[in-house]
Amino acid sequence: MTKFNAIKVVLWSMFLTVTCVVGETSSLRNVKDTSGLPVCTKEKLDRVLEQWTSWAFGVKTWVNYINSSNMYDCKIDSLRLRNYLMNSFRENSSCGMASTKALSEGVSREECNRITNVRRALLAKDGWGDDVEEIILRDIGYHTYDAEIGILIENSQNWYKHTLDWLNKPVGPRRGVFNILIRKFNESEDPETLEKLESLLFLEFLNGHISTILDIDEALSSKVPRFRTSRQRLQTFVENDKKHMERKKGELRRDQEVILQRHLDYSREVQNYLRNRKLTDHHIRPLRAP
């Protein structure tokens, strides 16, 4: 290394060191000191939540955001923020999405943002509670797929009852709710919960809905050996193939053709697997049909 290059290395090292120190000092200087700040008022919180954000979920996220941001000259704790959120939620008791509310009632964009942020904070895990569930149940409509039924099944201690209520009414698209049930089934280790989930999933499997049957089959066959080799599994796919082959004769959109072909390919693979094995007579669900 030449003398000139050596000097360059030393100077560059000194520059990096000074830059890091200045950066750290600047960062420390920018940390918000909340010790002398007043508690955020309702008016201040209204303005904070009127700013649209796509990343803030849950009460804790909002508490950290308000308390760490130098944009706001106030502080808040989880209890006070949740009380504010619940009061706002009660005032806007309709559980329709905020954008729908804005269109139907002429709500401003800022108020629409605030309602959306309030809802998202309370519907997250750390915002959930019986009081949130009570408001949702008061306004929910089971006749169409509503985001709230998925949230109830995801968060509520009474998720099984809510699922049965949903299934016993004319339901809309099924996949969203059953994706939640499948995820709970894959993640749960509680025997009672697993029995309820297996029962619900097996009932839906026998219905043979093309939007749910493959995902349910994958979940049940991976965790329930008696289902994996059951005659009902084979019979359901055989019967579904007949039905879907008739559909294939008609005019389908490209996306419908792709979904149908995936179903048929998967079905043939399952049938080939089962025909080469000794099958159990019937899979018996752990719970009676709802």
C-alpha atoms as a PDB file:
ATOM      1  CA  MET A   1       0.000   0.000   0.000  1.00  0.00           C
ATOM      2  CA  THR A   2       1.406   3.394  -0.977  1.00  0.00           C
ATOM      3  CA  LYS A   3       1.734   6.176   1.575  1.00  0.00           C
ATOM      4  CA  PHE A   4      -1.027   8.095  -0.210  1.00  0.00           C
ATOM      5  CA  ASN A   5      -3.431   5.126  -0.076  1.00  0.00           C
ATOM      6  CA  ALA A   6      -2.642   4.598   3.594  1.00  0.00           C
ATOM      7  CA  ILE A   7      -3.541   8.218   4.346  1.00  0.00           C
ATOM      8  CA  LYS A   8      -6.817   7.796   2.413  1.00  0.00           C
ATOM      9  CA  VAL A   9      -7.733   4.750   4.495  1.00  0.00           C
ATOM     10  CA  VAL A  10      -7.053   6.586   7.761  1.00  0.00           C
ATOM     11  CA  LEU A  11      -9.072   9.641   6.677  1.00  0.00           C
ATOM     12  CA  TRP A  12     -11.978   7.461   5.483  1.00  0.00           C
ATOM     13  CA  SER A  13     -12.004   5.583   8.810  1.00  0.00           C
ATOM     14  CA  MET A  14     -12.057   8.865  10.723  1.00  0.00           C
ATOM     15  CA  PHE A  15     -14.949  10.103   8.563  1.00  0.00           C
ATOM     16  CA  LEU A  16     -17.004   6.951   9.246  1.00  0.00           C
ATOM     17  CA  THR A  17     -16.327   7.182  12.978  1.00  0.00           C
ATOM     18  CA  VAL A  18     -17.376  10.828  13.163  1.00  0.00           C
ATOM     19  CA  THR A  19     -20.483  10.105  11.034  1.00  0.00           C
ATOM     20  CA  CYS A  20     -21.565   7.263  13.321  1.00  0.00           C
ATOM     21  CA  VAL A  21     -21.078   9.338  16.467  1.00  0.00           C
ATOM     22  CA  VAL A  22     -22.976  12.280  15.017  1.00  0.00           C
ATOM     23  CA  GLY A  23     -25.735   9.954  13.820  1.00  0.00           C
ATOM     24  CA  GLU A  24     -26.095   8.343  17.241  1.00  0.00           C
ATOM     25  CA  THR A  25     -26.115  11.736  18.966  1.00  0.00           C
ATOM     26  CA  SER A  26     -28.706  13.026  16.509  1.00  0.00           C
ATOM     27  CA  SER A  27     -30.820   9.923  17.029  1.00  0.00           C
ATOM     28  CA  LEU A  28     -30.700  10.317  20.791  1.00  0.00           C
ATOM     29  CA  ARG A  29     -31.581  13.961  20.437  1.00  0.00           C
ATOM     30  CA  ASN A  30     -34.668  13.007  18.391  1.00  0.00           C
ATOM     31  CA  VAL A  31     -36.039  10.520  20.911  1.00  0.00           C
ATOM     32  CA  LYS A  32     -39.327  11.934  22.211  1.00  0.00           C
ATOM     33  CA  ASP A  33     -39.364  12.748  25.913  1.00  0.00           C
ATOM     34  CA  THR A  34     -42.937  12.164  27.136  1.00  0.00           C
ATOM     35  CA  SER A  35     -42.304  12.835  30.844  1.00  0.00           C
ATOM     36  CA  GLY A  36     -43.653  16.400  30.774  1.00  0.00           C
ATOM     37  CA  LEU A  37     -46.307  15.942  28.106  1.00  0.00           C
ATOM     38  CA  PRO A  38     -50.051  16.035  28.791  1.00  0.00           C
ATOM     39  CA  VAL A  39     -52.318  13.066  28.094  1.00  0.00           C
ATOM     40  CA  CYS A  40     -53.789  13.154  24.580  1.00  0.00           C
ATOM     41  CA  THR A  41     -57.293  14.599  24.467  1.00  0.00           C
ATOM     42  CA  LYS A  42     -60.111  13.181  22.368  1.00  0.00           C
ATOM     43  CA  GLU A  43     -59.650  16.024  19.879  1.00  0.00           C
ATOM     44  CA  LYS A  44     -55.951  15.245  19.558  1.00  0.00           C
ATOM     45  CA  LEU A  45     -56.594  11.507  19.127  1.00  0.00           C
ATOM     46  CA  ASP A  46     -59.235  12.285  16.509  1.00  0.00           C
ATOM     47  CA  ARG A  47     -56.623  14.158  14.487  1.00  0.00           C
ATOM     48  CA  VAL A  48     -54.021  11.424  14.938  1.00  0.00           C
ATOM     49  CA  LEU A  49     -56.333   8.672  13.713  1.00  0.00           C
ATOM     50  CA  GLU A  50     -57.654  10.758  10.826  1.00  0.00           C
ATOM     51  CA  GLN A  51     -54.331  10.190   9.071  1.00  0.00           C
ATOM     52  CA  TRP A  52     -54.612   7.087   6.912  1.00  0.00           C
ATOM     53  CA  THR A  53     -52.057   4.400   7.654  1.00  0.00           C
ATOM     54  CA  SER A  54     -51.775   0.907   6.238  1.00  0.00           C
ATOM     55  CA  TRP A  55     -49.356  -0.476   8.843  1.00  0.00           C
ATOM     56  CA  ALA A  56     -50.903   0.317  12.249  1.00  0.00           C
ATOM     57  CA  PHE A  57     -52.693  -2.696  13.733  1.00  0.00           C
ATOM     58  CA  GLY A  58     -53.677  -3.091  17.353  1.00  0.00           C
ATOM     59  CA  VAL A  59     -53.699  -0.883  20.422  1.00  0.00           C
ATOM     60  CA  LYS A  60     -50.012  -1.344  21.280  1.00  0.00           C
ATOM     61  CA  THR A  61     -48.885  -0.277  17.824  1.00  0.00           C
ATOM     62  CA  TRP A  62     -50.842   2.960  18.093  1.00  0.00           C
ATOM     63  CA  VAL A  63     -49.586   3.640  21.637  1.00  0.00           C
ATOM     64  CA  ASN A  64     -45.981   3.220  20.502  1.00  0.00           C
ATOM     65  CA  TYR A  65     -46.585   5.360  17.422  1.00  0.00           C
ATOM     66  CA  ILE A  66     -48.129   8.273  19.338  1.00  0.00           C
ATOM     67  CA  ASN A  67     -45.604   8.174  22.180  1.00  0.00           C
ATOM     68  CA  SER A  68     -42.538   7.917  19.933  1.00  0.00           C
ATOM     69  CA  SER A  69     -43.500  10.371  17.196  1.00  0.00           C
ATOM     70  CA  ASN A  70     -42.338  13.957  17.515  1.00  0.00           C
ATOM     71  CA  MET A  71     -45.381  14.986  15.481  1.00  0.00           C
ATOM     72  CA  TYR A  72     -47.625  14.812  18.559  1.00  0.00           C
ATOM     73  CA  ASP A  73     -47.169  16.871  21.729  1.00  0.00           C
ATOM     74  CA  CYS A  74     -49.042  14.438  23.989  1.00  0.00           C
ATOM     75  CA  LYS A  75     -48.763  10.904  25.395  1.00  0.00           C
ATOM     76  CA  ILE A  76     -51.177   8.007  25.845  1.00  0.00           C
ATOM     77  CA  ASP A  77     -51.331   4.620  27.564  1.00  0.00           C
ATOM     78  CA  SER A  78     -53.066   1.442  26.412  1.00  0.00           C
ATOM     79  CA  LEU A  79     -56.061   1.736  28.743  1.00  0.00           C
ATOM     80  CA  ARG A  80     -56.873   5.347  27.813  1.00  0.00           C
ATOM     81  CA  LEU A  81     -56.406   4.675  24.118  1.00  0.00           C
ATOM     82  CA  ARG A  82     -58.640   1.606  24.216  1.00  0.00           C
ATOM     83  CA  ASN A  83     -61.358   3.587  26.022  1.00  0.00           C
ATOM     84  CA  TYR A  84     -61.171   6.219  23.282  1.00  0.00           C
ATOM     85  CA  LEU A  85     -61.329   3.524  20.595  1.00  0.00           C
ATOM     86  CA  MET A  86     -64.329   1.814  22.200  1.00  0.00           C
ATOM     87  CA  ASN A  87     -66.250   5.083  22.513  1.00  0.00           C
ATOM     88  CA  SER A  88     -65.525   5.838  18.848  1.00  0.00           C
ATOM     89  CA  PHE A  89     -66.561   2.314  17.874  1.00  0.00           C
ATOM     90  CA  ARG A  90     -69.878   2.652  19.723  1.00  0.00           C
ATOM     91  CA  GLU A  91     -70.566   5.995  18.071  1.00  0.00           C
ATOM     92  CA  ASN A  92     -70.044   4.338  14.689  1.00  0.00           C
ATOM     93  CA  SER A  93     -71.858   1.137  15.562  1.00  0.00           C
ATOM     94  CA  SER A  94     -72.531   0.074  11.975  1.00  0.00           C
ATOM     95  CA  CYS A  95     -70.044  -2.673  11.231  1.00  0.00           C
ATOM     96  CA  GLY A  96     -69.910  -1.904   7.521  1.00  0.00           C
ATOM     97  CA  MET A  97     -66.506  -0.904   6.222  1.00  0.00           C
ATOM     98  CA  ALA A  98     -65.697   2.761   6.646  1.00  0.00           C
ATOM     99  CA  SER A  99     -65.576   3.344   2.899  1.00  0.00           C
ATOM    100  CA  THR A 100     -69.159   2.077   2.595  1.00  0.00           C
ATOM    101  CA  LYS A 101     -70.190   4.313   5.458  1.00  0.00           C
ATOM    102  CA  ALA A 102     -68.538   7.275   3.767  1.00  0.00           C
ATOM    103  CA  LEU A 103     -70.407   6.656   0.538  1.00  0.00           C
ATOM    104  CA  SER A 104     -73.789   6.143   2.190  1.00  0.00           C
ATOM    105  CA  GLU A 105     -73.641   8.891   4.800  1.00  0.00           C
ATOM    106  CA  GLY A 106     -71.385  11.506   3.244  1.00  0.00           C
ATOM    107  CA  VAL A 107     -68.598  11.064   5.815  1.00  0.00           C
ATOM    108  CA  SER A 108     -65.434  13.031   5.036  1.00  0.00           C
ATOM    109  CA  ARG A 109     -62.268  11.253   3.929  1.00  0.00           C
ATOM    110  CA  GLU A 110     -60.590  12.138   7.236  1.00  0.00           C
ATOM    111  CA  GLU A 111     -63.473  10.717   9.271  1.00  0.00           C
ATOM    112  CA  CYS A 112     -63.512   7.655   7.046  1.00  0.00           C
ATOM    113  CA  ASN A 113     -59.810   7.135   7.795  1.00  0.00           C
ATOM    114  CA  ARG A 114     -60.431   7.548  11.513  1.00  0.00           C
ATOM    115  CA  ILE A 115     -63.272   5.006  11.586  1.00  0.00           C
ATOM    116  CA  THR A 116     -61.161   2.521   9.636  1.00  0.00           C
ATOM    117  CA  ASN A 117     -58.168   2.953  11.966  1.00  0.00           C
ATOM    118  CA  VAL A 118     -60.389   2.617  15.044  1.00  0.00           C
ATOM    119  CA  ARG A 119     -61.914  -0.598  13.733  1.00  0.00           C
ATOM    120  CA  ARG A 120     -58.594  -2.127  12.770  1.00  0.00           C
ATOM    121  CA  ALA A 121     -57.084  -1.343  16.154  1.00  0.00           C
ATOM    122  CA  LEU A 122     -59.952  -2.988  18.062  1.00  0.00           C
ATOM    123  CA  LEU A 123     -60.287  -5.989  15.760  1.00  0.00           C
ATOM    124  CA  ALA A 124     -56.634  -6.902  16.245  1.00  0.00           C
ATOM    125  CA  LYS A 125     -55.721  -9.478  18.882  1.00  0.00           C
ATOM    126  CA  ASP A 126     -54.621  -6.984  21.535  1.00  0.00           C
ATOM    127  CA  GLY A 127     -57.701  -4.816  21.028  1.00  0.00           C
ATOM    128  CA  TRP A 128     -60.228  -7.648  21.113  1.00  0.00           C
ATOM    129  CA  GLY A 129     -62.639  -8.116  23.995  1.00  0.00           C
ATOM    130  CA  ASP A 130     -66.208  -9.074  24.877  1.00  0.00           C
ATOM    131  CA  ASP A 131     -67.278  -5.448  24.386  1.00  0.00           C
ATOM    132  CA  VAL A 132     -65.992  -5.456  20.795  1.00  0.00           C
ATOM    133  CA  GLU A 133     -67.677  -8.792  20.135  1.00  0.00           C
ATOM    134  CA  GLU A 134     -70.986  -7.489  21.508  1.00  0.00           C
ATOM    135  CA  ILE A 135     -71.032  -4.556  19.081  1.00  0.00           C
ATOM    136  CA  ILE A 136     -70.127  -6.741  16.107  1.00  0.00           C
ATOM    137  CA  LEU A 137     -72.841  -9.299  16.926  1.00  0.00           C
ATOM    138  CA  ARG A 138     -75.422  -6.544  17.143  1.00  0.00           C
ATOM    139  CA  ASP A 139     -74.892  -5.476  13.540  1.00  0.00           C
ATOM    140  CA  ILE A 140     -73.479  -8.466  11.711  1.00  0.00           C
ATOM    141  CA  GLY A 141     -75.284  -9.939   8.716  1.00  0.00           C
ATOM    142  CA  TYR A 142     -74.814 -13.661   8.236  1.00  0.00           C
ATOM    143  CA  HIS A 143     -76.560 -13.729   4.864  1.00  0.00           C
ATOM    144  CA  THR A 144     -73.429 -12.573   3.029  1.00  0.00           C
ATOM    145  CA  TYR A 145     -69.765 -13.067   3.756  1.00  0.00           C
ATOM    146  CA  ASP A 146     -68.776 -10.260   6.056  1.00  0.00           C
ATOM    147  CA  ALA A 147     -65.248  -9.655   7.297  1.00  0.00           C
ATOM    148  CA  GLU A 148     -66.629  -9.640  10.840  1.00  0.00           C
ATOM    149  CA  ILE A 149     -67.628 -13.327  10.801  1.00  0.00           C
ATOM    150  CA  GLY A 150     -64.036 -14.204  10.007  1.00  0.00           C
ATOM    151  CA  ILE A 151     -62.841 -11.942  12.806  1.00  0.00           C
ATOM    152  CA  LEU A 152     -65.315 -13.525  15.260  1.00  0.00           C
ATOM    153  CA  ILE A 153     -64.134 -17.019  14.365  1.00  0.00           C
ATOM    154  CA  GLU A 154     -60.513 -15.919  14.601  1.00  0.00           C
ATOM    155  CA  ASN A 155     -60.723 -14.134  17.970  1.00  0.00           C
ATOM    156  CA  SER A 156     -63.820 -15.109  19.922  1.00  0.00           C
ATOM    157  CA  GLN A 157     -63.956 -17.718  22.692  1.00  0.00           C
ATOM    158  CA  ASN A 158     -67.350 -18.590  21.196  1.00  0.00           C
ATOM    159  CA  TRP A 159     -65.928 -19.205  17.704  1.00  0.00           C
ATOM    160  CA  TYR A 160     -67.595 -22.636  17.395  1.00  0.00           C
ATOM    161  CA  LYS A 161     -71.084 -21.245  18.075  1.00  0.00           C
ATOM    162  CA  HIS A 162     -70.488 -18.372  15.662  1.00  0.00           C
ATOM    163  CA  THR A 163     -69.397 -20.828  12.968  1.00  0.00           C
ATOM    164  CA  LEU A 164     -72.531 -22.926  13.452  1.00  0.00           C
ATOM    165  CA  ASP A 165     -74.714 -19.791  13.330  1.00  0.00           C
ATOM    166  CA  TRP A 166     -73.010 -18.792  10.091  1.00  0.00           C
ATOM    167  CA  LEU A 167     -73.421 -22.251   8.526  1.00  0.00           C
ATOM    168  CA  ASN A 168     -77.089 -22.444   9.487  1.00  0.00           C
ATOM    169  CA  LYS A 169     -77.893 -19.273   7.562  1.00  0.00           C
ATOM    170  CA  PRO A 170     -77.639 -18.645   3.811  1.00  0.00           C
ATOM    171  CA  VAL A 171     -73.920 -17.959   3.545  1.00  0.00           C
ATOM    172  CA  GLY A 172     -71.973 -16.178   0.847  1.00  0.00           C
ATOM    173  CA  PRO A 173     -68.425 -17.056  -0.264  1.00  0.00           C
ATOM    174  CA  ARG A 174     -67.110 -19.825   1.978  1.00  0.00           C
ATOM    175  CA  ARG A 175     -63.387 -19.855   1.399  1.00  0.00           C
ATOM    176  CA  GLY A 176     -62.391 -16.990   3.704  1.00  0.00           C
ATOM    177  CA  VAL A 177     -64.023 -18.514   6.792  1.00  0.00           C
ATOM    178  CA  PHE A 178     -62.822 -22.038   6.049  1.00  0.00           C
ATOM    179  CA  ASN A 179     -59.275 -20.795   5.544  1.00  0.00           C
ATOM    180  CA  ILE A 180     -59.436 -19.519   9.126  1.00  0.00           C
ATOM    181  CA  LEU A 181     -60.809 -22.857  10.362  1.00  0.00           C
ATOM    182  CA  ILE A 182     -58.081 -24.737   8.491  1.00  0.00           C
ATOM    183  CA  ARG A 183     -55.407 -22.514  10.012  1.00  0.00           C
ATOM    184  CA  LYS A 184     -56.832 -23.063  13.498  1.00  0.00           C
ATOM    185  CA  PHE A 185     -56.911 -26.813  12.820  1.00  0.00           C
ATOM    186  CA  ASN A 186     -53.280 -26.844  11.674  1.00  0.00           C
ATOM    187  CA  GLU A 187     -52.078 -24.788  14.639  1.00  0.00           C
ATOM    188  CA  SER A 188     -54.210 -26.076  17.524  1.00  0.00           C
ATOM    189  CA  GLU A 189     -53.040 -28.733  19.988  1.00  0.00           C
ATOM    190  CA  ASP A 190     -56.139 -28.765  22.200  1.00  0.00           C
ATOM    191  CA  PRO A 191     -58.028 -32.084  21.711  1.00  0.00           C
ATOM    192  CA  GLU A 192     -61.508 -30.575  22.199  1.00  0.00           C
ATOM    193  CA  THR A 193     -60.808 -27.756  19.744  1.00  0.00           C
ATOM    194  CA  LEU A 194     -59.401 -30.209  17.212  1.00  0.00           C
ATOM    195  CA  GLU A 195     -62.523 -32.378  17.452  1.00  0.00           C
ATOM    196  CA  LYS A 196     -64.785 -29.409  16.738  1.00  0.00           C
ATOM    197  CA  LEU A 197     -62.631 -28.271  13.849  1.00  0.00           C
ATOM    198  CA  GLU A 198     -62.380 -31.748  12.363  1.00  0.00           C
ATOM    199  CA  SER A 199     -66.147 -32.088  12.499  1.00  0.00           C
ATOM    200  CA  LEU A 200     -66.754 -28.758  10.751  1.00  0.00           C
ATOM    201  CA  LEU A 201     -64.112 -29.370   8.106  1.00  0.00           C
ATOM    202  CA  PHE A 202     -65.329 -32.888   7.374  1.00  0.00           C
ATOM    203  CA  LEU A 203     -68.903 -31.673   6.930  1.00  0.00           C
ATOM    204  CA  GLU A 204     -67.711 -29.061   4.436  1.00  0.00           C
ATOM    205  CA  PHE A 205     -65.549 -31.672   2.688  1.00  0.00           C
ATOM    206  CA  LEU A 206     -68.597 -33.881   2.097  1.00  0.00           C
ATOM    207  CA  ASN A 207     -70.427 -30.876   0.602  1.00  0.00           C
ATOM    208  CA  GLY A 208     -67.736 -30.837  -2.070  1.00  0.00           C
ATOM    209  CA  HIS A 209     -67.498 -27.088  -2.706  1.00  0.00           C
ATOM    210  CA  ILE A 210     -64.792 -26.560  -5.286  1.00  0.00           C
ATOM    211  CA  SER A 211     -63.453 -23.475  -3.477  1.00  0.00           C
ATOM    212  CA  THR A 212     -62.744 -25.343  -0.234  1.00  0.00           C
ATOM    213  CA  ILE A 213     -62.494 -29.095  -0.782  1.00  0.00           C
ATOM    214  CA  LEU A 214     -58.824 -29.318  -1.786  1.00  0.00           C
ATOM    215  CA  ASP A 215     -57.505 -27.212   1.095  1.00  0.00           C
ATOM    216  CA  ILE A 216     -59.675 -29.135   3.564  1.00  0.00           C
ATOM    217  CA  ASP A 217     -58.534 -32.469   2.146  1.00  0.00           C
ATOM    218  CA  GLU A 218     -54.899 -31.470   2.555  1.00  0.00           C
ATOM    219  CA  ALA A 219     -55.476 -30.434   6.177  1.00  0.00           C
ATOM    220  CA  LEU A 220     -57.504 -33.482   7.231  1.00  0.00           C
ATOM    221  CA  SER A 221     -55.366 -36.043   5.403  1.00  0.00           C
ATOM    222  CA  SER A 222     -52.204 -34.651   7.018  1.00  0.00           C
ATOM    223  CA  LYS A 223     -53.512 -34.916  10.610  1.00  0.00           C
ATOM    224  CA  VAL A 224     -56.289 -37.546  10.634  1.00  0.00           C
ATOM    225  CA  PRO A 225     -55.092 -41.029   9.552  1.00  0.00           C
ATOM    226  CA  ARG A 226     -58.588 -42.546   9.582  1.00  0.00           C
ATOM    227  CA  PHE A 227     -59.745 -39.861   7.163  1.00  0.00           C
ATOM    228  CA  ARG A 228     -56.724 -40.301   4.910  1.00  0.00           C
ATOM    229  CA  THR A 229     -57.723 -43.868   3.957  1.00  0.00           C
ATOM    230  CA  SER A 230     -61.504 -43.591   4.321  1.00  0.00           C
ATOM    231  CA  ARG A 231     -63.985 -44.729   1.697  1.00  0.00           C
ATOM    232  CA  GLN A 232     -65.813 -41.427   2.060  1.00  0.00           C
ATOM    233  CA  ARG A 233     -62.724 -39.575   0.884  1.00  0.00           C
ATOM    234  CA  LEU A 234     -62.587 -41.705  -2.255  1.00  0.00           C
ATOM    235  CA  GLN A 235     -66.354 -41.587  -2.862  1.00  0.00           C
ATOM    236  CA  THR A 236     -66.514 -37.819  -2.462  1.00  0.00           C
ATOM    237  CA  PHE A 237     -63.809 -37.231  -5.063  1.00  0.00           C
ATOM    238  CA  VAL A 238     -65.342 -39.764  -7.472  1.00  0.00           C
ATOM    239  CA  GLU A 239     -68.757 -38.098  -7.234  1.00  0.00           C
ATOM    240  CA  ASN A 240     -67.241 -34.624  -7.537  1.00  0.00           C
ATOM    241  CA  ASP A 241     -65.356 -35.641 -10.670  1.00  0.00           C
ATOM    242  CA  LYS A 242     -68.621 -36.589 -12.381  1.00  0.00           C
ATOM    243  CA  LYS A 243     -70.155 -33.255 -11.458  1.00  0.00           C
ATOM    244  CA  HIS A 244     -67.135 -31.227 -12.553  1.00  0.00           C
ATOM    245  CA  MET A 245     -66.662 -33.104 -15.813  1.00  0.00           C
ATOM    246  CA  GLU A 246     -70.151 -31.945 -16.728  1.00  0.00           C
ATOM    247  CA  ARG A 247     -69.122 -28.382 -15.933  1.00  0.00           C
ATOM    248  CA  LYS A 248     -66.093 -28.770 -18.175  1.00  0.00           C
ATOM    249  CA  LYS A 249     -68.389 -29.297 -21.168  1.00  0.00           C
ATOM    250  CA  GLY A 250     -69.848 -25.830 -20.743  1.00  0.00           C
ATOM    251  CA  GLU A 251     -68.361 -22.422 -21.411  1.00  0.00           C
ATOM    252  CA  LEU A 252     -65.944 -21.390 -18.670  1.00  0.00           C
ATOM    253  CA  ARG A 253     -63.732 -18.369 -18.155  1.00  0.00           C
ATOM    254  CA  ARG A 254     -60.005 -18.958 -18.220  1.00  0.00           C
ATOM    255  CA  ASP A 255     -59.687 -18.660 -14.437  1.00  0.00           C
ATOM    256  CA  GLN A 256     -62.559 -21.125 -13.967  1.00  0.00           C
ATOM    257  CA  GLU A 257     -60.862 -23.600 -16.301  1.00  0.00           C
ATOM    258  CA  VAL A 258     -57.624 -23.354 -14.310  1.00  0.00           C
ATOM    259  CA  ILE A 259     -59.418 -23.963 -10.995  1.00  0.00           C
ATOM    260  CA  LEU A 260     -61.392 -26.873 -12.420  1.00  0.00           C
ATOM    261  CA  GLN A 261     -58.328 -28.539 -13.943  1.00  0.00           C
ATOM    262  CA  ARG A 262     -56.406 -28.188 -10.681  1.00  0.00           C
ATOM    263  CA  HIS A 263     -59.306 -29.848  -8.886  1.00  0.00           C
ATOM    264  CA  LEU A 264     -59.453 -32.727 -11.384  1.00  0.00           C
ATOM    265  CA  ASP A 265     -55.676 -33.310 -11.292  1.00  0.00           C
ATOM    266  CA  TYR A 266     -55.648 -33.356  -7.498  1.00  0.00           C
ATOM    267  CA  SER A 267     -58.704 -35.628  -7.401  1.00  0.00           C
ATOM    268  CA  ARG A 268     -57.132 -38.200  -9.731  1.00  0.00           C
ATOM    269  CA  GLU A 269     -53.976 -38.235  -7.623  1.00  0.00           C
ATOM    270  CA  VAL A 270     -56.000 -38.911  -4.458  1.00  0.00           C
ATOM    271  CA  GLN A 271     -58.058 -41.620  -6.172  1.00  0.00           C
ATOM    272  CA  ASN A 272     -54.947 -43.393  -7.454  1.00  0.00           C
ATOM    273  CA  TYR A 273     -53.461 -43.292  -3.952  1.00  0.00           C
ATOM    274  CA  LEU A 274     -56.604 -44.694  -2.318  1.00  0.00           C
ATOM    275  CA  ARG A 275     -57.290 -47.435  -4.865  1.00  0.00           C
ATOM    276  CA  ASN A 276     -53.896 -48.954  -4.073  1.00  0.00           C
ATOM    277  CA  ARG A 277     -54.552 -49.137  -0.341  1.00  0.00           C
ATOM    278  CA  LYS A 278     -56.800 -50.984   2.055  1.00  0.00           C
ATOM    279  CA  LEU A 279     -59.538 -48.527   2.942  1.00  0.00           C
ATOM    280  CA  THR A 280     -61.319 -48.033   6.216  1.00  0.00           C
ATOM    281  CA  ASP A 281     -65.066 -48.589   5.937  1.00  0.00           C
ATOM    282  CA  HIS A 282     -66.039 -45.091   6.989  1.00  0.00           C
ATOM    283  CA  HIS A 283     -64.564 -42.114   8.684  1.00  0.00           C
ATOM    284  CA  ILE A 284     -66.670 -41.232  11.728  1.00  0.00           C
ATOM    285  CA  ARG A 285     -66.747 -37.579  12.627  1.00  0.00           C
ATOM    286  CA  PRO A 286     -65.958 -36.801  16.272  1.00  0.00           C
ATOM    287  CA  LEU A 287     -69.073 -34.635  16.632  1.00  0.00           C
ATOM    288  CA  ARG A 288     -72.589 -34.854  15.253  1.00  0.00           C
ATOM    289  CA  ALA A 289     -73.503 -32.648  12.349  1.00  0.00           C
ATOM    290  CA  PRO A 290     -74.539 -29.138  13.432  1.00  0.00           C
END
